[in-house]
Each structure stands twice: as C-alpha cells, then as structure tokens.
Amino acid sequence: MNLHTDNTTENDTTLAPAAKVDVYDPAPGTEYPYVISDYAREAARILGDGWGADSGFIGAYGLLWGPDVPTLHVFVDHCFPDQVDLVVAPYYNPDPQMFTINLPDGAPQTREELRTVAEQIAEIARSLQP
C-alpha cells in the first residue's frame, strides 16, 4: 500500500453513503421516568415511620430497610430475556431468599403504576418481619 500526498492509498475504494436508519432515541426520562431506587423509596413511604431507602449507583438499584428486617436490595433481574422481574432480596446475603415481582407491562410509567409496584415491595418487606 502506498500513501499518496493527499493521504489516500492506491487501495482506497469509495463507499456508497449508508442508508438512513431510523433509530429509537427517546428523550431522557421519557422511556423510563422512574429509576429503580424510586421503587424502594416509594415502598419506604408506604411502610411509614422507621423505614428508609437509599439509591444505589445512579439509581440502578435501591436499598430498603426497616424495623427487624435486613436491608433489602431492589434490582432488576435481566438473566432471562423473555421475562423481566424486579427482585427484592436481603442485601449482601450469600444465600439470599429472593422475591420477584413480574413486570408484564414493563417499567411503571405513571405515579400510580409506581405505587402499585411499591406496594408489592412493601408487602414483601412486611412478610420478613418477625
């Protein structure tokens, strides 16, 4: 291959312009208006006094804690592509008991849908109390 003074080579070929492809590109916050930690925070509000929640890294997971319950990890299990589950499990437990919440319609899009999912998280948390 010989480099010419115009930075081309004798082996250069001219490529046809690529066809325009429509790419799904929603505005930030429109496809998923709530991050996972919002689910944990809403559950803490439902559970009331003595309960709290915090965000994991950039809201990708949530932590929920309360009276007589180990800190719970709220996250998405994406191991099985044909089902999307929200998982609630004790945080940092080597043999965790895991609870799943099926999200058949995908992520909550409204405050009411968020509350419905959070109520399920709250029920799991209550079930772990002695």
N, C-alpha and C. Protein backbone atom coordinates (compact mmCIF):
# COMPACT_ATOMS: atom_id res chain seq x y z
N MET A 1 0.86 -1.16 0.00
CA MET A 1 0.00 0.00 0.00
C MET A 1 0.91 1.22 0.00
N ASN A 2 0.68 2.13 -0.90
CA ASN A 2 1.47 3.36 -1.00
C ASN A 2 0.63 4.53 -0.56
N LEU A 3 1.17 5.35 0.33
CA LEU A 3 0.48 6.53 0.81
C LEU A 3 0.75 7.68 -0.15
N HIS A 4 -0.29 8.31 -0.66
CA HIS A 4 -0.16 9.44 -1.56
C HIS A 4 -0.13 10.73 -0.75
N THR A 5 0.25 11.79 -1.37
CA THR A 5 0.35 13.07 -0.65
C THR A 5 -1.01 13.58 -0.18
N ASP A 6 -2.09 13.10 -0.77
CA ASP A 6 -3.41 13.54 -0.32
C ASP A 6 -3.99 12.60 0.75
N ASN A 7 -3.10 11.78 1.38
CA ASN A 7 -3.47 10.84 2.45
C ASN A 7 -4.41 9.72 1.99
N THR A 8 -4.43 9.43 0.72
CA THR A 8 -5.18 8.27 0.24
C THR A 8 -4.17 7.21 -0.15
N THR A 9 -4.63 6.02 -0.38
CA THR A 9 -3.75 4.94 -0.82
C THR A 9 -4.25 4.44 -2.16
N GLU A 10 -3.42 3.70 -2.82
CA GLU A 10 -3.84 3.16 -4.10
C GLU A 10 -4.91 2.10 -3.96
N ASN A 11 -5.12 1.62 -2.74
CA ASN A 11 -6.15 0.61 -2.49
C ASN A 11 -7.48 1.21 -2.01
N ASP A 12 -7.56 2.55 -1.91
CA ASP A 12 -8.79 3.18 -1.43
C ASP A 12 -9.95 2.86 -2.35
N THR A 13 -11.10 2.64 -1.73
CA THR A 13 -12.32 2.48 -2.50
C THR A 13 -13.32 3.49 -1.99
N THR A 14 -14.19 3.91 -2.84
CA THR A 14 -15.20 4.87 -2.44
C THR A 14 -16.42 4.10 -1.98
N LEU A 15 -16.88 4.40 -0.78
CA LEU A 15 -18.04 3.73 -0.23
C LEU A 15 -19.29 4.53 -0.54
N ALA A 16 -20.34 3.81 -0.84
CA ALA A 16 -21.62 4.48 -1.05
C ALA A 16 -22.11 4.98 0.30
N PRO A 17 -22.81 6.10 0.31
CA PRO A 17 -23.35 6.60 1.58
C PRO A 17 -24.29 5.56 2.20
N ALA A 18 -24.22 5.45 3.52
CA ALA A 18 -25.07 4.50 4.24
C ALA A 18 -26.52 4.93 4.15
N ALA A 19 -27.39 3.96 4.10
CA ALA A 19 -28.82 4.26 4.09
C ALA A 19 -29.20 4.84 5.45
N LYS A 20 -30.13 5.78 5.44
CA LYS A 20 -30.58 6.39 6.69
C LYS A 20 -31.42 5.37 7.45
N VAL A 21 -31.06 5.15 8.70
CA VAL A 21 -31.78 4.20 9.55
C VAL A 21 -32.43 4.98 10.67
N ASP A 22 -33.72 4.73 10.86
CA ASP A 22 -34.41 5.36 11.97
C ASP A 22 -33.99 4.66 13.26
N VAL A 23 -33.48 5.43 14.20
CA VAL A 23 -33.01 4.90 15.47
C VAL A 23 -33.95 5.39 16.56
N TYR A 24 -34.41 4.46 17.40
CA TYR A 24 -35.24 4.82 18.53
C TYR A 24 -34.38 5.60 19.51
N ASP A 25 -34.73 6.83 19.74
CA ASP A 25 -33.92 7.70 20.58
C ASP A 25 -34.81 8.61 21.41
N PRO A 26 -35.44 8.03 22.47
CA PRO A 26 -36.34 8.85 23.28
C PRO A 26 -35.57 9.89 24.09
N ALA A 27 -36.23 10.96 24.41
CA ALA A 27 -35.63 11.99 25.25
C ALA A 27 -35.38 11.42 26.65
N PRO A 28 -34.34 11.89 27.32
CA PRO A 28 -34.05 11.39 28.68
C PRO A 28 -35.27 11.52 29.59
N GLY A 29 -35.52 10.47 30.35
CA GLY A 29 -36.62 10.48 31.31
C GLY A 29 -37.98 10.15 30.74
N THR A 30 -38.06 9.90 29.43
CA THR A 30 -39.37 9.60 28.85
C THR A 30 -39.63 8.11 28.70
N GLU A 31 -38.61 7.33 28.42
CA GLU A 31 -38.81 5.89 28.28
C GLU A 31 -38.96 5.24 29.65
N TYR A 32 -38.14 5.64 30.60
CA TYR A 32 -38.18 5.13 31.97
C TYR A 32 -38.20 6.33 32.91
N PRO A 33 -39.40 6.82 33.24
CA PRO A 33 -39.47 8.01 34.07
C PRO A 33 -39.01 7.80 35.51
N TYR A 34 -38.94 6.54 35.96
CA TYR A 34 -38.51 6.26 37.33
C TYR A 34 -37.30 5.35 37.30
N VAL A 35 -36.33 5.63 38.17
CA VAL A 35 -35.19 4.73 38.34
C VAL A 35 -35.56 3.70 39.41
N ILE A 36 -34.82 2.61 39.46
CA ILE A 36 -35.16 1.52 40.38
C ILE A 36 -35.19 2.00 41.84
N SER A 37 -34.30 2.89 42.20
CA SER A 37 -34.31 3.36 43.59
C SER A 37 -35.60 4.09 43.95
N ASP A 38 -36.29 4.65 42.96
CA ASP A 38 -37.59 5.28 43.23
C ASP A 38 -38.60 4.26 43.74
N TYR A 39 -38.48 3.01 43.27
CA TYR A 39 -39.39 1.96 43.73
C TYR A 39 -39.18 1.72 45.22
N ALA A 40 -37.92 1.63 45.65
CA ALA A 40 -37.60 1.41 47.06
C ALA A 40 -38.05 2.59 47.91
N ARG A 41 -37.82 3.80 47.43
CA ARG A 41 -38.22 4.99 48.19
C ARG A 41 -39.74 5.06 48.36
N GLU A 42 -40.47 4.71 47.30
CA GLU A 42 -41.93 4.73 47.40
C GLU A 42 -42.41 3.66 48.38
N ALA A 43 -41.76 2.50 48.38
CA ALA A 43 -42.11 1.45 49.34
C ALA A 43 -41.88 1.94 50.77
N ALA A 44 -40.78 2.65 51.00
CA ALA A 44 -40.49 3.19 52.34
C ALA A 44 -41.57 4.18 52.76
N ARG A 45 -42.05 5.01 51.84
CA ARG A 45 -43.13 5.94 52.17
C ARG A 45 -44.40 5.18 52.54
N ILE A 46 -44.69 4.11 51.81
CA ILE A 46 -45.88 3.31 52.11
C ILE A 46 -45.76 2.66 53.49
N LEU A 47 -44.57 2.15 53.81
CA LEU A 47 -44.35 1.45 55.07
C LEU A 47 -44.35 2.40 56.27
N GLY A 48 -43.98 3.64 56.07
CA GLY A 48 -44.11 4.65 57.11
C GLY A 48 -42.91 4.80 58.04
N ASP A 49 -43.20 5.24 59.27
CA ASP A 49 -42.15 5.55 60.24
C ASP A 49 -41.24 4.36 60.48
N GLY A 50 -39.96 4.66 60.61
CA GLY A 50 -38.97 3.63 60.89
C GLY A 50 -38.40 2.97 59.64
N TRP A 51 -38.94 3.28 58.49
CA TRP A 51 -38.47 2.71 57.23
C TRP A 51 -37.72 3.76 56.45
N GLY A 52 -36.73 3.32 55.70
CA GLY A 52 -35.96 4.24 54.88
C GLY A 52 -35.48 3.55 53.61
N ALA A 53 -34.99 4.35 52.70
CA ALA A 53 -34.49 3.82 51.43
C ALA A 53 -33.36 4.71 50.94
N ASP A 54 -32.55 4.14 50.10
CA ASP A 54 -31.44 4.88 49.51
C ASP A 54 -31.23 4.40 48.08
N SER A 55 -30.54 5.21 47.33
CA SER A 55 -30.24 4.89 45.93
C SER A 55 -28.91 4.16 45.82
N GLY A 56 -28.90 3.17 44.96
CA GLY A 56 -27.65 2.56 44.56
C GLY A 56 -27.02 3.43 43.48
N PHE A 57 -25.96 2.96 42.89
CA PHE A 57 -25.23 3.70 41.87
C PHE A 57 -26.18 4.21 40.79
N ILE A 58 -26.22 5.49 40.56
CA ILE A 58 -27.07 6.22 39.61
C ILE A 58 -28.53 5.75 39.60
N GLY A 59 -28.99 5.26 40.73
CA GLY A 59 -30.38 4.83 40.84
C GLY A 59 -30.67 3.48 40.22
N ALA A 60 -29.61 2.75 39.83
CA ALA A 60 -29.80 1.46 39.14
C ALA A 60 -30.32 0.38 40.07
N TYR A 61 -30.23 0.59 41.36
CA TYR A 61 -30.85 -0.31 42.33
C TYR A 61 -31.22 0.51 43.55
N GLY A 62 -32.05 -0.06 44.39
CA GLY A 62 -32.45 0.63 45.61
C GLY A 62 -32.22 -0.25 46.81
N LEU A 63 -32.08 0.40 47.96
CA LEU A 63 -31.95 -0.31 49.24
C LEU A 63 -33.11 0.14 50.12
N LEU A 64 -33.69 -0.80 50.82
CA LEU A 64 -34.83 -0.54 51.69
C LEU A 64 -34.55 -1.19 53.04
N TRP A 65 -34.77 -0.47 54.11
CA TRP A 65 -34.54 -1.03 55.44
C TRP A 65 -35.64 -0.58 56.39
N GLY A 66 -35.80 -1.37 57.46
CA GLY A 66 -36.81 -1.03 58.44
C GLY A 66 -36.66 -1.89 59.68
N PRO A 67 -37.61 -1.74 60.61
CA PRO A 67 -37.55 -2.45 61.88
C PRO A 67 -37.53 -3.97 61.71
N ASP A 68 -36.53 -4.59 62.31
CA ASP A 68 -36.43 -6.05 62.37
C ASP A 68 -36.38 -6.73 61.00
N VAL A 69 -35.90 -6.03 60.00
CA VAL A 69 -35.79 -6.59 58.64
C VAL A 69 -34.38 -6.30 58.13
N PRO A 70 -33.74 -7.27 57.51
CA PRO A 70 -32.43 -6.98 56.94
C PRO A 70 -32.59 -5.96 55.80
N THR A 71 -31.55 -5.22 55.53
CA THR A 71 -31.61 -4.29 54.40
C THR A 71 -31.94 -5.09 53.14
N LEU A 72 -32.89 -4.57 52.39
CA LEU A 72 -33.33 -5.26 51.18
C LEU A 72 -32.77 -4.57 49.94
N HIS A 73 -32.40 -5.37 49.00
CA HIS A 73 -31.83 -4.92 47.73
C HIS A 73 -32.95 -5.04 46.68
N VAL A 74 -33.27 -3.95 46.02
CA VAL A 74 -34.30 -3.95 44.98
C VAL A 74 -33.57 -3.73 43.65
N PHE A 75 -33.70 -4.69 42.75
CA PHE A 75 -32.96 -4.59 41.48
C PHE A 75 -33.69 -5.36 40.39
N VAL A 76 -33.23 -5.20 39.17
CA VAL A 76 -33.83 -5.90 38.04
C VAL A 76 -32.99 -7.12 37.72
N ASP A 77 -33.67 -8.25 37.59
CA ASP A 77 -33.02 -9.49 37.17
C ASP A 77 -33.21 -9.58 35.66
N HIS A 78 -32.14 -9.44 34.94
CA HIS A 78 -32.22 -9.47 33.49
C HIS A 78 -31.55 -10.72 32.91
N CYS A 79 -31.47 -11.76 33.72
CA CYS A 79 -30.81 -13.00 33.28
C CYS A 79 -31.63 -13.75 32.24
N PHE A 80 -32.93 -13.60 32.28
CA PHE A 80 -33.80 -14.30 31.35
C PHE A 80 -34.47 -13.28 30.44
N PRO A 81 -34.07 -13.21 29.18
CA PRO A 81 -34.57 -12.16 28.30
C PRO A 81 -36.07 -12.21 28.04
N ASP A 82 -36.71 -13.35 28.24
CA ASP A 82 -38.13 -13.44 27.96
C ASP A 82 -39.00 -12.99 29.13
N GLN A 83 -38.38 -12.70 30.27
CA GLN A 83 -39.14 -12.18 31.40
C GLN A 83 -38.31 -11.14 32.13
N VAL A 84 -38.98 -10.10 32.52
CA VAL A 84 -38.31 -9.04 33.27
C VAL A 84 -38.91 -9.04 34.66
N ASP A 85 -38.06 -9.28 35.63
CA ASP A 85 -38.53 -9.31 37.00
C ASP A 85 -37.80 -8.28 37.83
N LEU A 86 -38.55 -7.70 38.74
CA LEU A 86 -37.95 -6.88 39.77
C LEU A 86 -37.69 -7.83 40.93
N VAL A 87 -36.51 -7.77 41.50
CA VAL A 87 -36.14 -8.69 42.57
C VAL A 87 -35.98 -7.91 43.86
N VAL A 88 -36.48 -8.50 44.94
CA VAL A 88 -36.30 -7.96 46.28
C VAL A 88 -35.63 -9.08 47.07
N ALA A 89 -34.45 -8.79 47.61
CA ALA A 89 -33.69 -9.82 48.33
C ALA A 89 -32.86 -9.15 49.42
N PRO A 90 -32.57 -9.88 50.50
CA PRO A 90 -31.67 -9.33 51.52
C PRO A 90 -30.34 -8.94 50.88
N TYR A 91 -29.85 -7.79 51.27
CA TYR A 91 -28.62 -7.25 50.69
C TYR A 91 -27.41 -7.92 51.32
N TYR A 92 -26.44 -8.28 50.51
CA TYR A 92 -25.19 -8.92 50.96
C TYR A 92 -25.44 -10.20 51.74
N ASN A 93 -26.34 -10.99 51.26
CA ASN A 93 -26.61 -12.28 51.89
C ASN A 93 -26.09 -13.35 50.94
N PRO A 94 -25.17 -14.22 51.41
CA PRO A 94 -24.58 -15.21 50.50
C PRO A 94 -25.58 -16.23 49.97
N ASP A 95 -26.66 -16.46 50.68
CA ASP A 95 -27.68 -17.40 50.23
C ASP A 95 -29.04 -16.71 50.37
N PRO A 96 -29.28 -15.70 49.55
CA PRO A 96 -30.47 -14.88 49.77
C PRO A 96 -31.78 -15.57 49.40
N GLN A 97 -32.77 -15.22 50.16
CA GLN A 97 -34.13 -15.58 49.79
C GLN A 97 -34.58 -14.46 48.85
N MET A 98 -34.92 -14.81 47.64
CA MET A 98 -35.25 -13.79 46.64
C MET A 98 -36.75 -13.82 46.35
N PHE A 99 -37.31 -12.64 46.23
CA PHE A 99 -38.71 -12.49 45.87
C PHE A 99 -38.75 -11.75 44.54
N THR A 100 -39.63 -12.16 43.66
CA THR A 100 -39.71 -11.49 42.37
C THR A 100 -41.07 -10.84 42.18
N ILE A 101 -41.04 -9.76 41.48
CA ILE A 101 -42.26 -9.05 41.09
C ILE A 101 -42.22 -8.98 39.58
N ASN A 102 -43.16 -9.64 38.94
CA ASN A 102 -43.19 -9.64 37.50
C ASN A 102 -43.69 -8.28 37.00
N LEU A 103 -43.03 -7.79 35.99
CA LEU A 103 -43.42 -6.52 35.38
C LEU A 103 -43.89 -6.81 33.94
N PRO A 104 -45.08 -7.37 33.78
CA PRO A 104 -45.52 -7.80 32.45
C PRO A 104 -45.65 -6.65 31.45
N ASP A 105 -45.93 -5.46 31.95
CA ASP A 105 -46.07 -4.30 31.06
C ASP A 105 -44.82 -3.43 31.04
N GLY A 106 -43.74 -3.95 31.61
CA GLY A 106 -42.51 -3.17 31.65
C GLY A 106 -42.49 -2.24 32.84
N ALA A 107 -41.62 -1.27 32.77
CA ALA A 107 -41.43 -0.33 33.87
C ALA A 107 -42.64 0.57 34.06
N PRO A 108 -42.91 0.94 35.31
CA PRO A 108 -44.01 1.87 35.57
C PRO A 108 -43.82 3.18 34.80
N GLN A 109 -44.90 3.68 34.26
CA GLN A 109 -44.86 4.93 33.51
C GLN A 109 -45.56 6.08 34.23
N THR A 110 -46.39 5.74 35.20
CA THR A 110 -47.13 6.77 35.94
C THR A 110 -46.88 6.60 37.43
N ARG A 111 -47.23 7.63 38.18
CA ARG A 111 -47.09 7.58 39.63
C ARG A 111 -47.94 6.45 40.23
N GLU A 112 -49.12 6.23 39.66
CA GLU A 112 -50.00 5.17 40.15
C GLU A 112 -49.37 3.79 39.90
N GLU A 113 -48.79 3.60 38.73
CA GLU A 113 -48.13 2.32 38.44
C GLU A 113 -46.93 2.11 39.36
N LEU A 114 -46.18 3.19 39.62
CA LEU A 114 -45.05 3.11 40.55
C LEU A 114 -45.55 2.68 41.92
N ARG A 115 -46.63 3.27 42.37
CA ARG A 115 -47.18 2.94 43.69
C ARG A 115 -47.63 1.48 43.75
N THR A 116 -48.20 0.96 42.68
CA THR A 116 -48.62 -0.43 42.65
C THR A 116 -47.44 -1.38 42.84
N VAL A 117 -46.34 -1.09 42.16
CA VAL A 117 -45.13 -1.91 42.31
C VAL A 117 -44.57 -1.74 43.73
N ALA A 118 -44.54 -0.51 44.23
CA ALA A 118 -44.01 -0.24 45.57
C ALA A 118 -44.84 -0.94 46.65
N GLU A 119 -46.14 -1.05 46.45
CA GLU A 119 -46.99 -1.76 47.41
C GLU A 119 -46.60 -3.24 47.48
N GLN A 120 -46.23 -3.82 46.35
CA GLN A 120 -45.78 -5.21 46.34
C GLN A 120 -44.45 -5.35 47.07
N ILE A 121 -43.55 -4.38 46.89
CA ILE A 121 -42.28 -4.39 47.61
C ILE A 121 -42.53 -4.27 49.10
N ALA A 122 -43.44 -3.37 49.48
CA ALA A 122 -43.77 -3.17 50.89
C ALA A 122 -44.34 -4.46 51.50
N GLU A 123 -45.17 -5.16 50.77
CA GLU A 123 -45.74 -6.41 51.27
C GLU A 123 -44.66 -7.45 51.50
N ILE A 124 -43.69 -7.52 50.61
CA ILE A 124 -42.56 -8.44 50.79
C ILE A 124 -41.79 -8.06 52.07
N ALA A 125 -41.52 -6.77 52.23
CA ALA A 125 -40.79 -6.32 53.42
C ALA A 125 -41.54 -6.69 54.71
N ARG A 126 -42.85 -6.45 54.70
CA ARG A 126 -43.66 -6.81 55.90
C ARG A 126 -43.60 -8.30 56.19
N SER A 127 -43.57 -9.11 55.13
CA SER A 127 -43.57 -10.57 55.32
C SER A 127 -42.27 -11.05 55.97
N LEU A 128 -41.23 -10.25 55.94
CA LEU A 128 -39.95 -10.63 56.54
C LEU A 128 -39.83 -10.21 58.00
N GLN A 129 -40.79 -9.43 58.47
CA GLN A 129 -40.77 -9.03 59.88
C GLN A 129 -41.17 -10.22 60.75
N PRO A 130 -40.54 -10.32 61.93
CA PRO A 130 -40.89 -11.44 62.83
C PRO A 130 -42.30 -11.29 63.38
